[in-house]
Amino acid sequence: MTHQNRRHNPTSNWRSAAVATLIATAIVAAIGSLQTPAVFAQDEPAPDKVDADNVVQRMLEKRENSLRIAPDRDNDDNPNAVAMPASSVDIDRTVLGLAPGEEAPPLLRDGSFIIGRRGHLRPSTDGAHLLFVFEAQDDQQPTLPMILQPCALREDMEDYMSQRGNTITFIISGQVFAYRGANYLLPTMMKIAIDRPNAAQ
C-alpha cells in the first residue's frame, strides 16, 4: 500500500518538475553571464585600455619632438653641415706697426702664458672680435694681437674702457690658446696701468 502511494503521489511529481526547471534556469543564467563580457568587449572597448594607449602615444610624440633640432639658417642648402668659425682673424697691419711687405710675427704656442704685458683693447677689422693689442717691447719681436676670450675680467675691462675711453692701458696676464690661425687669450690677472709723470720734469 505504501509503495503504491509513493509511486502515484502527484505532489512528488510536481516537486521534481520544479527542481528540474530551477536547475535549467540557473544553467542558462550562468552561460549568459559568461557570454556578456565578450559581447561588451567587441561593441565597446574597455575605457582603461583606450586611455592607456593614448597616453603612451602622446608620450612617444612628445619625446620625438623634443629630440628634433632646428636647422642652422646658414646651412639651409646642406642641413648636415656643421657651422665652422672663420679660418683666420682679419687684423689691420697698422695695428702691428708692420712696414709694407714685412712678415707678420708667428703665433704663440698653444698653452703658453703672457705675464704682465701692457696693451689696449681694440675691435678687429671686421668687428667680430675684441682684441688685446700689445704694446711693443724694446728689442723684441712684436706680438700678434689676441682675441680676448669672454670672462669676468674681460667684462671688467670693457666697463673700464666704456667709462674712460679706448686710450686706457691695461696690464694683463693669462694663458694663450691657438685655434685656426689666431691666438686667443684667457686673462687671469688684469690691472689698469697708471702712467706717473717723470719726477725729474
N, C-alpha and C. Protein backbone atom coordinates (compact mmCIF):
# COMPACT_ATOMS: atom_id res chain seq x y z
N MET A 1 0.84 -1.19 0.00
CA MET A 1 0.00 0.00 0.00
C MET A 1 0.87 1.24 0.00
N THR A 2 1.89 1.21 0.81
CA THR A 2 2.80 2.36 0.89
C THR A 2 3.55 2.56 -0.42
N HIS A 3 3.98 1.49 -1.06
CA HIS A 3 4.70 1.58 -2.33
C HIS A 3 3.84 2.17 -3.42
N GLN A 4 2.58 1.87 -3.46
CA GLN A 4 1.70 2.37 -4.50
C GLN A 4 1.43 3.85 -4.30
N ASN A 5 1.27 4.27 -3.02
CA ASN A 5 1.00 5.69 -2.77
C ASN A 5 2.20 6.56 -3.19
N ARG A 6 3.42 6.08 -2.90
CA ARG A 6 4.63 6.85 -3.25
C ARG A 6 4.79 6.95 -4.76
N ARG A 7 4.38 5.89 -5.47
CA ARG A 7 4.57 5.88 -6.93
C ARG A 7 3.60 6.79 -7.62
N HIS A 8 2.39 6.91 -7.09
CA HIS A 8 1.38 7.68 -7.81
C HIS A 8 1.08 8.99 -7.11
N ASN A 9 1.99 9.50 -6.22
CA ASN A 9 1.74 10.75 -5.50
C ASN A 9 1.99 11.94 -6.43
N PRO A 10 0.95 12.71 -6.76
CA PRO A 10 1.11 13.84 -7.69
C PRO A 10 1.99 14.95 -7.14
N THR A 11 2.02 15.09 -5.80
CA THR A 11 2.85 16.16 -5.19
C THR A 11 4.32 15.92 -5.45
N SER A 12 4.73 14.67 -5.37
CA SER A 12 6.13 14.32 -5.61
C SER A 12 6.53 14.62 -7.04
N ASN A 13 5.66 14.35 -7.97
CA ASN A 13 5.97 14.63 -9.38
C ASN A 13 6.11 16.13 -9.62
N TRP A 14 5.25 16.89 -8.96
CA TRP A 14 5.30 18.36 -9.16
C TRP A 14 6.59 18.94 -8.62
N ARG A 15 7.04 18.44 -7.48
CA ARG A 15 8.28 18.93 -6.90
C ARG A 15 9.48 18.60 -7.79
N SER A 16 9.50 17.43 -8.34
CA SER A 16 10.61 17.04 -9.22
C SER A 16 10.68 17.94 -10.44
N ALA A 17 9.53 18.26 -11.00
CA ALA A 17 9.50 19.13 -12.17
C ALA A 17 9.98 20.54 -11.83
N ALA A 18 9.60 21.01 -10.65
CA ALA A 18 10.02 22.36 -10.24
C ALA A 18 11.53 22.44 -10.05
N VAL A 19 12.08 21.40 -9.43
CA VAL A 19 13.54 21.38 -9.22
C VAL A 19 14.28 21.35 -10.55
N ALA A 20 13.79 20.57 -11.49
CA ALA A 20 14.43 20.49 -12.81
C ALA A 20 14.39 21.84 -13.52
N THR A 21 13.24 22.53 -13.37
CA THR A 21 13.11 23.85 -14.01
C THR A 21 14.09 24.85 -13.42
N LEU A 22 14.24 24.85 -12.10
CA LEU A 22 15.18 25.76 -11.45
C LEU A 22 16.62 25.50 -11.87
N ILE A 23 16.97 24.22 -11.97
CA ILE A 23 18.33 23.87 -12.40
C ILE A 23 18.60 24.36 -13.82
N ALA A 24 17.63 24.15 -14.71
CA ALA A 24 17.79 24.59 -16.09
C ALA A 24 17.93 26.10 -16.18
N THR A 25 17.12 26.82 -15.38
CA THR A 25 17.20 28.29 -15.38
C THR A 25 18.56 28.78 -14.90
N ALA A 26 19.09 28.14 -13.86
CA ALA A 26 20.41 28.54 -13.34
C ALA A 26 21.51 28.31 -14.36
N ILE A 27 21.41 27.20 -15.09
CA ILE A 27 22.43 26.91 -16.11
C ILE A 27 22.40 27.95 -17.22
N VAL A 28 21.18 28.31 -17.67
CA VAL A 28 21.06 29.32 -18.73
C VAL A 28 21.61 30.66 -18.27
N ALA A 29 21.30 31.04 -17.02
CA ALA A 29 21.79 32.31 -16.49
C ALA A 29 23.31 32.33 -16.40
N ALA A 30 23.90 31.21 -15.99
CA ALA A 30 25.37 31.15 -15.90
C ALA A 30 26.03 31.28 -17.25
N ILE A 31 25.44 30.60 -18.24
CA ILE A 31 26.00 30.71 -19.60
C ILE A 31 25.89 32.13 -20.12
N GLY A 32 24.78 32.78 -19.85
CA GLY A 32 24.59 34.17 -20.29
C GLY A 32 25.57 35.12 -19.65
N SER A 33 25.86 34.91 -18.36
CA SER A 33 26.82 35.79 -17.68
C SER A 33 28.23 35.61 -18.22
N LEU A 34 28.58 34.42 -18.68
CA LEU A 34 29.90 34.20 -19.27
C LEU A 34 30.03 34.85 -20.63
N GLN A 35 28.95 34.94 -21.39
CA GLN A 35 29.00 35.49 -22.73
C GLN A 35 28.91 37.02 -22.75
N THR A 36 28.34 37.61 -21.71
CA THR A 36 28.10 39.05 -21.72
C THR A 36 29.39 39.88 -21.84
N PRO A 37 30.49 39.59 -21.08
CA PRO A 37 31.71 40.39 -21.23
C PRO A 37 32.30 40.35 -22.63
N ALA A 38 32.19 39.20 -23.29
CA ALA A 38 32.74 39.09 -24.64
C ALA A 38 32.00 40.03 -25.59
N VAL A 39 30.66 40.09 -25.48
CA VAL A 39 29.88 40.97 -26.34
C VAL A 39 30.22 42.42 -26.05
N PHE A 40 30.41 42.78 -24.77
CA PHE A 40 30.75 44.14 -24.38
C PHE A 40 32.12 44.55 -24.91
N ALA A 41 33.06 43.58 -24.88
CA ALA A 41 34.41 43.89 -25.34
C ALA A 41 34.44 44.14 -26.84
N GLN A 42 33.53 43.48 -27.59
CA GLN A 42 33.51 43.68 -29.04
C GLN A 42 32.83 44.99 -29.40
N ASP A 43 31.73 45.30 -28.72
CA ASP A 43 30.97 46.50 -29.07
C ASP A 43 31.61 47.77 -28.52
N GLU A 44 32.06 47.76 -27.26
CA GLU A 44 32.62 48.94 -26.61
C GLU A 44 33.93 48.56 -25.93
N PRO A 45 35.07 48.94 -26.50
CA PRO A 45 36.36 48.62 -25.87
C PRO A 45 36.45 49.22 -24.47
N ALA A 46 37.20 48.53 -23.62
CA ALA A 46 37.32 48.97 -22.23
C ALA A 46 37.97 50.35 -22.19
N PRO A 47 37.37 51.32 -21.48
CA PRO A 47 37.92 52.68 -21.45
C PRO A 47 39.35 52.74 -20.92
N ASP A 48 39.69 51.92 -19.91
CA ASP A 48 41.03 51.97 -19.33
C ASP A 48 42.09 51.65 -20.37
N LYS A 49 41.85 50.65 -21.20
CA LYS A 49 42.83 50.26 -22.22
C LYS A 49 43.00 51.37 -23.25
N VAL A 50 41.91 52.01 -23.70
CA VAL A 50 41.99 53.08 -24.68
C VAL A 50 42.77 54.26 -24.11
N ASP A 51 42.51 54.64 -22.87
CA ASP A 51 43.21 55.76 -22.26
C ASP A 51 44.71 55.48 -22.14
N ALA A 52 45.07 54.28 -21.76
CA ALA A 52 46.49 53.93 -21.62
C ALA A 52 47.20 54.02 -22.96
N ASP A 53 46.55 53.55 -24.03
CA ASP A 53 47.16 53.62 -25.36
C ASP A 53 47.38 55.08 -25.76
N ASN A 54 46.39 55.93 -25.48
CA ASN A 54 46.52 57.34 -25.84
C ASN A 54 47.66 58.01 -25.08
N VAL A 55 47.78 57.70 -23.81
CA VAL A 55 48.85 58.29 -23.00
C VAL A 55 50.22 57.88 -23.53
N VAL A 56 50.40 56.62 -23.86
CA VAL A 56 51.68 56.14 -24.39
C VAL A 56 51.99 56.82 -25.72
N GLN A 57 50.97 56.97 -26.58
CA GLN A 57 51.18 57.60 -27.88
C GLN A 57 51.61 59.06 -27.72
N ARG A 58 50.96 59.78 -26.79
CA ARG A 58 51.33 61.17 -26.57
C ARG A 58 52.75 61.31 -26.02
N MET A 59 53.13 60.38 -25.15
CA MET A 59 54.49 60.42 -24.61
C MET A 59 55.53 60.19 -25.69
N LEU A 60 55.25 59.25 -26.60
CA LEU A 60 56.19 58.99 -27.69
C LEU A 60 56.31 60.18 -28.62
N GLU A 61 55.17 60.84 -28.93
CA GLU A 61 55.20 62.00 -29.80
C GLU A 61 55.96 63.15 -29.14
N LYS A 62 55.76 63.35 -27.84
CA LYS A 62 56.46 64.42 -27.13
C LYS A 62 57.96 64.19 -27.12
N ARG A 63 58.36 62.92 -26.92
CA ARG A 63 59.80 62.60 -26.90
C ARG A 63 60.41 62.83 -28.28
N GLU A 64 59.69 62.45 -29.32
CA GLU A 64 60.22 62.62 -30.67
C GLU A 64 60.39 64.10 -31.00
N ASN A 65 59.42 64.93 -30.58
CA ASN A 65 59.53 66.36 -30.86
C ASN A 65 60.67 67.01 -30.09
N SER A 66 60.92 66.53 -28.88
CA SER A 66 62.00 67.11 -28.07
C SER A 66 63.38 66.79 -28.64
N LEU A 67 63.49 65.71 -29.42
CA LEU A 67 64.78 65.33 -29.98
C LEU A 67 65.09 66.05 -31.29
N ARG A 68 64.10 66.74 -31.83
CA ARG A 68 64.32 67.44 -33.09
C ARG A 68 65.07 68.74 -32.83
N ILE A 69 66.08 69.05 -33.66
CA ILE A 69 66.89 70.25 -33.53
C ILE A 69 66.65 71.12 -34.75
N ALA A 70 66.37 72.38 -34.49
CA ALA A 70 66.12 73.29 -35.60
C ALA A 70 67.38 73.44 -36.44
N PRO A 71 67.27 73.39 -37.77
CA PRO A 71 68.47 73.51 -38.61
C PRO A 71 69.06 74.90 -38.55
N ASP A 72 70.35 74.99 -38.76
CA ASP A 72 71.04 76.27 -38.79
C ASP A 72 70.62 77.03 -40.04
N ARG A 73 70.29 78.30 -39.88
CA ARG A 73 69.84 79.08 -41.03
C ARG A 73 70.93 79.24 -42.07
N ASP A 74 72.18 79.20 -41.60
CA ASP A 74 73.28 79.37 -42.55
C ASP A 74 73.55 78.12 -43.36
N ASN A 75 72.93 77.01 -42.98
CA ASN A 75 73.19 75.74 -43.66
C ASN A 75 71.92 75.16 -44.26
N ASP A 76 71.06 76.04 -44.82
CA ASP A 76 69.80 75.55 -45.39
C ASP A 76 70.05 74.62 -46.56
N ASP A 77 71.11 74.90 -47.35
CA ASP A 77 71.38 74.06 -48.51
C ASP A 77 71.93 72.70 -48.12
N ASN A 78 72.61 72.64 -47.00
CA ASN A 78 73.18 71.38 -46.53
C ASN A 78 72.89 71.24 -45.04
N PRO A 79 71.76 70.62 -44.68
CA PRO A 79 71.38 70.54 -43.26
C PRO A 79 72.34 69.74 -42.42
N ASN A 80 73.19 68.91 -43.05
CA ASN A 80 74.14 68.10 -42.28
C ASN A 80 75.46 68.81 -42.03
N ALA A 81 75.64 69.99 -42.60
CA ALA A 81 76.90 70.70 -42.44
C ALA A 81 76.99 71.30 -41.04
N VAL A 82 78.20 71.36 -40.51
CA VAL A 82 78.45 71.93 -39.19
C VAL A 82 79.05 73.32 -39.37
N ALA A 83 78.45 74.31 -38.69
CA ALA A 83 78.94 75.67 -38.80
C ALA A 83 80.35 75.76 -38.22
N MET A 84 81.26 76.35 -38.97
CA MET A 84 82.64 76.46 -38.54
C MET A 84 83.02 77.94 -38.47
N PRO A 85 83.92 78.31 -37.55
CA PRO A 85 84.38 79.70 -37.47
C PRO A 85 85.29 80.04 -38.63
N ALA A 86 85.56 81.32 -38.75
CA ALA A 86 86.46 81.77 -39.80
C ALA A 86 87.84 81.15 -39.60
N SER A 87 88.53 80.90 -40.73
CA SER A 87 89.83 80.24 -40.65
C SER A 87 90.91 81.16 -40.11
N SER A 88 90.67 82.47 -40.13
CA SER A 88 91.66 83.41 -39.62
C SER A 88 90.94 84.68 -39.16
N VAL A 89 91.69 85.54 -38.48
CA VAL A 89 91.14 86.80 -37.99
C VAL A 89 91.78 87.94 -38.77
N ASP A 90 90.95 88.84 -39.27
CA ASP A 90 91.44 89.97 -40.05
C ASP A 90 91.96 91.05 -39.10
N ILE A 91 93.26 91.27 -39.12
CA ILE A 91 93.89 92.26 -38.24
C ILE A 91 94.58 93.31 -39.10
N ASP A 92 94.28 94.55 -38.81
CA ASP A 92 94.89 95.66 -39.54
C ASP A 92 96.40 95.66 -39.30
N ARG A 93 97.18 95.67 -40.37
CA ARG A 93 98.64 95.62 -40.23
C ARG A 93 99.18 96.86 -39.54
N THR A 94 98.46 97.97 -39.64
CA THR A 94 98.94 99.18 -38.97
C THR A 94 98.88 99.03 -37.45
N VAL A 95 97.99 98.17 -36.97
CA VAL A 95 97.92 97.93 -35.53
C VAL A 95 99.21 97.27 -35.05
N LEU A 96 99.79 96.42 -35.89
CA LEU A 96 101.02 95.73 -35.54
C LEU A 96 102.27 96.59 -35.73
N GLY A 97 102.11 97.71 -36.42
CA GLY A 97 103.27 98.54 -36.69
C GLY A 97 104.19 97.93 -37.73
N LEU A 98 103.63 97.15 -38.65
CA LEU A 98 104.44 96.48 -39.67
C LEU A 98 104.60 97.39 -40.89
N ALA A 99 105.78 97.37 -41.45
CA ALA A 99 106.02 98.10 -42.68
C ALA A 99 105.44 97.31 -43.85
N PRO A 100 105.17 97.97 -44.98
CA PRO A 100 104.64 97.25 -46.14
C PRO A 100 105.57 96.11 -46.56
N GLY A 101 105.02 94.93 -46.74
CA GLY A 101 105.79 93.77 -47.14
C GLY A 101 106.47 93.06 -45.99
N GLU A 102 106.43 93.63 -44.80
CA GLU A 102 107.08 92.99 -43.66
C GLU A 102 106.25 91.80 -43.19
N GLU A 103 106.93 90.71 -42.86
CA GLU A 103 106.23 89.49 -42.45
C GLU A 103 105.69 89.63 -41.04
N ALA A 104 104.47 89.15 -40.86
CA ALA A 104 103.83 89.21 -39.54
C ALA A 104 104.49 88.22 -38.59
N PRO A 105 104.53 88.52 -37.31
CA PRO A 105 105.14 87.59 -36.34
C PRO A 105 104.33 86.30 -36.25
N PRO A 106 104.96 85.22 -35.83
CA PRO A 106 104.26 83.93 -35.73
C PRO A 106 103.31 83.91 -34.53
N LEU A 107 102.42 82.94 -34.56
CA LEU A 107 101.52 82.73 -33.43
C LEU A 107 102.30 82.18 -32.25
N LEU A 108 101.83 82.48 -31.05
CA LEU A 108 102.41 81.87 -29.86
C LEU A 108 101.90 80.45 -29.72
N ARG A 109 102.70 79.64 -29.07
CA ARG A 109 102.36 78.22 -28.90
C ARG A 109 101.13 78.06 -28.00
N ASP A 110 100.30 77.10 -28.35
CA ASP A 110 99.11 76.80 -27.55
C ASP A 110 99.52 76.36 -26.14
N GLY A 111 98.92 76.98 -25.13
CA GLY A 111 99.24 76.65 -23.75
C GLY A 111 100.31 77.53 -23.13
N SER A 112 100.90 78.43 -23.91
CA SER A 112 101.90 79.33 -23.34
C SER A 112 101.21 80.44 -22.53
N PHE A 113 102.03 81.27 -21.88
CA PHE A 113 101.48 82.28 -20.98
C PHE A 113 102.01 83.67 -21.32
N ILE A 114 101.16 84.65 -21.07
CA ILE A 114 101.53 86.05 -21.15
C ILE A 114 101.62 86.56 -19.71
N ILE A 115 102.73 87.22 -19.36
CA ILE A 115 102.94 87.68 -17.99
C ILE A 115 103.17 89.20 -17.99
N GLY A 116 102.25 89.92 -17.38
CA GLY A 116 102.44 91.36 -17.15
C GLY A 116 102.69 92.17 -18.40
N ARG A 117 101.93 91.95 -19.46
CA ARG A 117 102.10 92.71 -20.71
C ARG A 117 101.12 93.88 -20.76
N ARG A 118 101.63 95.00 -21.25
CA ARG A 118 100.80 96.20 -21.41
C ARG A 118 100.13 96.17 -22.77
N GLY A 119 98.93 96.76 -22.82
CA GLY A 119 98.24 96.82 -24.10
C GLY A 119 96.88 97.50 -24.00
N HIS A 120 96.16 97.46 -25.12
CA HIS A 120 94.87 98.15 -25.23
C HIS A 120 93.84 97.21 -25.86
N LEU A 121 92.59 97.54 -25.67
CA LEU A 121 91.50 96.80 -26.32
C LEU A 121 91.13 97.48 -27.62
N ARG A 122 91.02 96.68 -28.68
CA ARG A 122 90.63 97.19 -29.98
C ARG A 122 89.72 96.17 -30.66
N PRO A 123 88.73 96.63 -31.42
CA PRO A 123 87.92 95.68 -32.20
C PRO A 123 88.70 95.22 -33.42
N SER A 124 88.42 94.01 -33.87
CA SER A 124 89.03 93.53 -35.11
C SER A 124 88.48 94.32 -36.29
N THR A 125 89.15 94.20 -37.42
CA THR A 125 88.75 94.97 -38.59
C THR A 125 87.31 94.69 -39.00
N ASP A 126 86.90 93.42 -38.91
CA ASP A 126 85.53 93.07 -39.29
C ASP A 126 84.53 93.30 -38.15
N GLY A 127 85.01 93.72 -36.98
CA GLY A 127 84.12 93.98 -35.86
C GLY A 127 83.58 92.76 -35.16
N ALA A 128 84.08 91.58 -35.52
CA ALA A 128 83.54 90.34 -34.95
C ALA A 128 84.22 89.95 -33.65
N HIS A 129 85.39 90.53 -33.35
CA HIS A 129 86.14 90.11 -32.17
C HIS A 129 86.67 91.33 -31.42
N LEU A 130 86.95 91.11 -30.15
CA LEU A 130 87.63 92.11 -29.33
C LEU A 130 89.06 91.64 -29.12
N LEU A 131 90.01 92.48 -29.53
CA LEU A 131 91.42 92.10 -29.49
C LEU A 131 92.14 92.82 -28.36
N PHE A 132 93.14 92.14 -27.83
CA PHE A 132 94.09 92.80 -26.93
C PHE A 132 95.35 93.06 -27.75
N VAL A 133 95.65 94.33 -27.94
CA VAL A 133 96.80 94.74 -28.75
C VAL A 133 97.94 95.08 -27.80
N PHE A 134 99.04 94.36 -27.94
CA PHE A 134 100.18 94.53 -27.03
C PHE A 134 101.02 95.74 -27.43
N GLU A 135 101.51 96.43 -26.43
CA GLU A 135 102.49 97.48 -26.69
C GLU A 135 103.84 96.84 -27.02
N ALA A 136 104.58 97.50 -27.90
CA ALA A 136 105.88 96.96 -28.31
C ALA A 136 106.86 97.00 -27.14
N GLN A 137 107.70 95.98 -27.10
CA GLN A 137 108.77 95.92 -26.10
C GLN A 137 110.11 96.16 -26.79
N ASP A 138 111.01 96.81 -26.11
CA ASP A 138 112.31 97.15 -26.71
C ASP A 138 113.05 95.89 -27.13
N ASP A 139 113.56 95.93 -28.36
CA ASP A 139 114.43 94.87 -28.89
C ASP A 139 113.75 93.49 -28.89
N GLN A 140 112.45 93.46 -28.98
CA GLN A 140 111.73 92.19 -29.05
C GLN A 140 110.77 92.20 -30.23
N GLN A 141 110.56 91.02 -30.78
CA GLN A 141 109.62 90.89 -31.89
C GLN A 141 108.21 91.22 -31.41
N PRO A 142 107.46 91.98 -32.20
CA PRO A 142 106.09 92.31 -31.77
C PRO A 142 105.23 91.06 -31.62
N THR A 143 104.27 91.15 -30.76
CA THR A 143 103.35 90.04 -30.50
C THR A 143 102.03 90.31 -31.21
N LEU A 144 101.53 89.31 -31.91
CA LEU A 144 100.26 89.47 -32.59
C LEU A 144 99.14 89.78 -31.60
N PRO A 145 98.21 90.67 -31.98
CA PRO A 145 97.03 90.87 -31.13
C PRO A 145 96.29 89.55 -30.93
N MET A 146 95.68 89.41 -29.79
CA MET A 146 94.98 88.17 -29.45
C MET A 146 93.51 88.44 -29.19
N ILE A 147 92.70 87.48 -29.58
CA ILE A 147 91.26 87.57 -29.30
C ILE A 147 91.05 87.32 -27.81
N LEU A 148 90.38 88.25 -27.17
CA LEU A 148 90.16 88.14 -25.73
C LEU A 148 88.94 87.25 -25.49
N GLN A 149 89.14 86.17 -24.77
CA GLN A 149 88.05 85.24 -24.52
C GLN A 149 87.07 85.82 -23.50
N PRO A 150 85.79 85.52 -23.66
CA PRO A 150 84.79 86.02 -22.71
C PRO A 150 85.03 85.48 -21.30
N CYS A 151 85.02 86.38 -20.33
CA CYS A 151 85.18 86.01 -18.92
C CYS A 151 84.87 87.24 -18.08
N ALA A 152 84.90 87.08 -16.76
CA ALA A 152 84.58 88.20 -15.88
C ALA A 152 85.60 89.33 -16.01
N LEU A 153 86.89 88.98 -16.17
CA LEU A 153 87.91 90.02 -16.32
C LEU A 153 87.73 90.82 -17.61
N ARG A 154 87.35 90.13 -18.67
CA ARG A 154 87.09 90.86 -19.92
C ARG A 154 85.92 91.81 -19.72
N GLU A 155 84.91 91.37 -19.02
CA GLU A 155 83.75 92.24 -18.77
C GLU A 155 84.18 93.49 -18.00
N ASP A 156 85.05 93.32 -17.02
CA ASP A 156 85.56 94.49 -16.28
C ASP A 156 86.34 95.42 -17.19
N MET A 157 87.16 94.85 -18.07
CA MET A 157 87.95 95.68 -18.98
C MET A 157 87.05 96.47 -19.92
N GLU A 158 86.00 95.83 -20.41
CA GLU A 158 85.06 96.54 -21.28
C GLU A 158 84.38 97.69 -20.54
N ASP A 159 84.03 97.45 -19.28
CA ASP A 159 83.38 98.51 -18.49
C ASP A 159 84.33 99.69 -18.27
N TYR A 160 85.59 99.39 -17.95
CA TYR A 160 86.57 100.46 -17.77
C TYR A 160 86.76 101.25 -19.06
N MET A 161 86.81 100.56 -20.19
CA MET A 161 87.02 101.24 -21.46
C MET A 161 85.83 102.12 -21.81
N SER A 162 84.62 101.65 -21.51
CA SER A 162 83.44 102.46 -21.81
C SER A 162 83.39 103.72 -20.94
N GLN A 163 83.99 103.66 -19.76
CA GLN A 163 83.99 104.82 -18.86
C GLN A 163 85.12 105.80 -19.17
N ARG A 164 86.29 105.27 -19.57
CA ARG A 164 87.48 106.12 -19.71
C ARG A 164 87.95 106.29 -21.15
N GLY A 165 87.34 105.57 -22.07
CA GLY A 165 87.74 105.68 -23.46
C GLY A 165 88.74 104.61 -23.84
N ASN A 166 88.99 104.49 -25.15
CA ASN A 166 89.83 103.40 -25.63
C ASN A 166 91.32 103.68 -25.50
N THR A 167 91.68 104.79 -24.89
CA THR A 167 93.10 105.07 -24.67
C THR A 167 93.60 104.45 -23.37
N ILE A 168 92.73 103.86 -22.60
CA ILE A 168 93.14 103.25 -21.34
C ILE A 168 94.10 102.10 -21.59
N THR A 169 95.11 101.99 -20.75
CA THR A 169 96.13 100.95 -20.88
C THR A 169 95.96 99.92 -19.76
N PHE A 170 95.97 98.64 -20.15
CA PHE A 170 95.85 97.55 -19.19
C PHE A 170 97.17 96.80 -19.09
N ILE A 171 97.41 96.24 -17.92
CA ILE A 171 98.49 95.28 -17.74
C ILE A 171 97.83 93.93 -17.48
N ILE A 172 98.18 92.96 -18.31
CA ILE A 172 97.40 91.73 -18.31
C ILE A 172 98.31 90.50 -18.28
N SER A 173 97.84 89.47 -17.62
CA SER A 173 98.49 88.15 -17.65
C SER A 173 97.42 87.11 -17.97
N GLY A 174 97.83 86.01 -18.60
CA GLY A 174 96.85 84.98 -18.93
C GLY A 174 97.44 83.88 -19.77
N GLN A 175 96.60 82.92 -20.10
CA GLN A 175 97.03 81.76 -20.89
C GLN A 175 96.62 81.94 -22.35
N VAL A 176 97.50 81.48 -23.23
CA VAL A 176 97.31 81.64 -24.67
C VAL A 176 96.84 80.32 -25.27
N PHE A 177 95.90 80.44 -26.21
CA PHE A 177 95.41 79.28 -26.97
C PHE A 177 95.52 79.60 -28.45
N ALA A 178 95.82 78.58 -29.25
CA ALA A 178 95.91 78.73 -30.70
C ALA A 178 94.78 77.95 -31.35
N TYR A 179 94.06 78.63 -32.25
CA TYR A 179 92.93 77.97 -32.91
C TYR A 179 92.69 78.60 -34.27
N ARG A 180 92.83 77.80 -35.32
CA ARG A 180 92.51 78.21 -36.69
C ARG A 180 93.14 79.55 -37.08
N GLY A 181 94.43 79.62 -36.92
CA GLY A 181 95.16 80.78 -37.42
C GLY A 181 95.11 82.01 -36.55
N ALA A 182 94.72 81.86 -35.30
CA ALA A 182 94.66 83.02 -34.40
C ALA A 182 95.00 82.57 -32.98
N ASN A 183 95.51 83.53 -32.21
CA ASN A 183 95.75 83.30 -30.79
C ASN A 183 94.59 83.86 -29.97
N TYR A 184 94.20 83.11 -28.96
CA TYR A 184 93.16 83.54 -28.02
C TYR A 184 93.80 83.69 -26.65
N LEU A 185 93.39 84.71 -25.92
CA LEU A 185 93.96 84.98 -24.60
C LEU A 185 92.86 84.91 -23.55
N LEU A 186 93.06 84.05 -22.56
CA LEU A 186 92.16 83.97 -21.41
C LEU A 186 92.84 84.69 -20.24
N PRO A 187 92.40 85.90 -19.92
CA PRO A 187 93.08 86.66 -18.87
C PRO A 187 92.84 86.07 -17.49
N THR A 188 93.91 86.02 -16.71
CA THR A 188 93.82 85.55 -15.32
C THR A 188 94.16 86.66 -14.32
N MET A 189 94.74 87.75 -14.82
CA MET A 189 95.06 88.90 -13.98
C MET A 189 95.00 90.15 -14.83
N MET A 190 94.43 91.21 -14.29
CA MET A 190 94.34 92.47 -15.03
C MET A 190 94.39 93.63 -14.05
N LYS A 191 95.09 94.67 -14.45
CA LYS A 191 95.05 95.93 -13.69
C LYS A 191 95.24 97.08 -14.66
N ILE A 192 94.84 98.24 -14.22
CA ILE A 192 94.96 99.43 -15.07
C ILE A 192 96.35 100.04 -14.86
N ALA A 193 97.02 100.31 -15.97
CA ALA A 193 98.35 100.93 -15.90
C ALA A 193 98.20 102.41 -15.60
N ILE A 194 98.95 102.88 -14.64
CA ILE A 194 98.94 104.30 -14.26
C ILE A 194 100.27 104.90 -14.66
N ASP A 195 100.23 105.81 -15.62
CA ASP A 195 101.45 106.46 -16.09
C ASP A 195 101.70 107.70 -15.23
N ARG A 196 102.67 107.62 -14.35
CA ARG A 196 103.01 108.74 -13.48
C ARG A 196 103.98 109.69 -14.21
N PRO A 197 103.83 110.96 -14.02
CA PRO A 197 104.76 111.91 -14.66
C PRO A 197 106.17 111.73 -14.13
N ASN A 198 107.13 112.06 -14.98
CA ASN A 198 108.54 111.91 -14.60
C ASN A 198 108.88 112.93 -13.50
N ALA A 199 109.45 112.42 -12.41
CA ALA A 199 109.74 113.30 -11.29
C ALA A 199 110.79 114.33 -11.63
N ALA A 200 111.64 114.06 -12.62
CA ALA A 200 112.70 115.00 -12.98
C ALA A 200 112.16 116.20 -13.72
N GLN A 201 110.95 116.09 -14.30
CA GLN A 201 110.42 117.17 -15.11
C GLN A 201 109.81 118.25 -14.22
